[in-house]
Structure formats: C-alpha cells, structure tokens
Amino acid sequence: MVDEDFHSRGIASYLYAMLIRLARERGLKGFTADVLFNNLAMMKVFHKGELPVHAHLENGVYHLTIPFESK
C-alpha cells in the first residue's frame, strides 16, 4: 500500500518491479492478486508491468494470475 500523499509518483510500479525480481530470484513461478473493481490505479500498475496479467472479475473483485513465463 502506498500512502495517499505519494500516489502518482511511480512508487507502486517500482515496488512491483522489485517484487518480481525478488520472487524470480527465489524460484517463484508467478503471482496471484485480488484487486477491488474500483482500484483502477493498481490495475494500471499491473498492466504496465513486464508480465502478462490474466484477470477474472467476480463480485466486484478482480482475481489476477500473473505468470512469470508465458505458455
């Protein structure tokens, strides 16, 4: 979570890229995430990232699967 005073400064994108790097170093195969329907800023962070994002909307929540390797 990024404090409201620091939104729109690229911090979430930076943290997401760092998380990807650390997860790969530790042998993870991808991520899953749940994002509220109205959190468009966070969805933008995921879609701007280097990985493919598969989203399924259910009851106002996007359930994301983000694999590190495409098949």
Protein backbone atom coordinates (compact mmCIF):
# COMPACT_ATOMS: atom_id res chain seq x y z
CA MET A 1 0.00 0.00 0.00
CA VAL A 2 1.28 3.43 -0.92
CA ASP A 3 0.29 6.42 1.23
CA GLU A 4 -2.17 8.82 -0.44
CA ASP A 5 0.42 11.64 -0.33
CA PHE A 6 2.74 9.62 -2.57
CA HIS A 7 0.29 8.40 -5.24
CA SER A 8 1.12 9.04 -8.92
CA ARG A 9 4.87 9.12 -8.32
CA GLY A 10 5.69 5.66 -9.63
CA ILE A 11 6.31 4.10 -6.23
CA ALA A 12 3.86 1.22 -6.75
CA SER A 13 5.40 0.42 -10.15
CA TYR A 14 8.88 0.47 -8.63
CA LEU A 15 7.82 -1.82 -5.78
CA TYR A 16 6.07 -4.18 -8.20
CA ALA A 17 9.22 -4.47 -10.35
CA MET A 18 11.31 -5.12 -7.23
CA LEU A 19 8.85 -7.77 -6.06
CA ILE A 20 9.06 -9.52 -9.45
CA ARG A 21 12.87 -9.56 -9.27
CA LEU A 22 12.95 -10.91 -5.72
CA ALA A 23 10.30 -13.54 -6.44
CA ARG A 24 12.18 -14.80 -9.51
CA GLU A 25 15.41 -15.00 -7.52
CA ARG A 26 13.60 -17.20 -5.02
CA GLY A 27 12.17 -19.51 -7.67
CA LEU A 28 8.53 -18.42 -7.67
CA LYS A 29 6.57 -19.14 -10.85
CA GLY A 30 4.23 -16.15 -10.66
CA PHE A 31 1.79 -14.16 -8.56
CA THR A 32 -1.87 -14.07 -7.77
CA ALA A 33 -3.57 -10.90 -6.57
CA ASP A 34 -7.02 -9.61 -5.70
CA VAL A 35 -7.81 -6.01 -6.63
CA LEU A 36 -11.05 -4.17 -5.95
CA PHE A 37 -13.00 -3.27 -9.09
CA ASN A 38 -12.68 0.49 -8.46
CA ASN A 39 -8.90 0.41 -7.88
CA LEU A 40 -8.02 1.40 -11.44
CA ALA A 41 -4.63 2.80 -10.41
CA MET A 42 -3.46 -0.60 -9.15
CA MET A 43 -4.79 -2.37 -12.22
CA LYS A 44 -2.79 0.09 -14.32
CA VAL A 45 0.37 -0.77 -12.34
CA PHE A 46 -0.09 -4.48 -13.08
CA HIS A 47 -0.86 -3.94 -16.77
CA LYS A 48 2.11 -1.57 -17.27
CA GLY A 49 4.45 -4.18 -15.82
CA GLU A 50 6.54 -6.61 -17.83
CA LEU A 51 4.36 -9.66 -17.16
CA PRO A 52 1.09 -10.85 -18.71
CA VAL A 53 -1.94 -10.35 -16.47
CA HIS A 54 -4.95 -12.65 -16.58
CA ALA A 55 -7.97 -11.11 -14.81
CA HIS A 56 -11.31 -12.55 -13.79
CA LEU A 57 -13.94 -10.22 -12.27
CA GLU A 58 -16.17 -11.71 -9.59
CA ASN A 59 -18.32 -9.86 -7.04
CA GLY A 60 -16.51 -6.56 -7.52
CA VAL A 61 -13.02 -8.05 -7.20
CA TYR A 62 -10.52 -8.76 -9.95
CA HIS A 63 -8.74 -12.05 -9.32
CA LEU A 64 -5.41 -11.82 -11.13
CA THR A 65 -3.00 -14.52 -12.21
CA ILE A 66 0.41 -13.24 -13.25
CA PRO A 67 2.74 -15.99 -14.52
CA PHE A 68 6.45 -15.34 -14.93
CA GLU A 69 6.64 -17.47 -18.07
CA SER A 70 4.07 -17.37 -20.85
CA LYS A 71 2.82 -20.65 -22.22
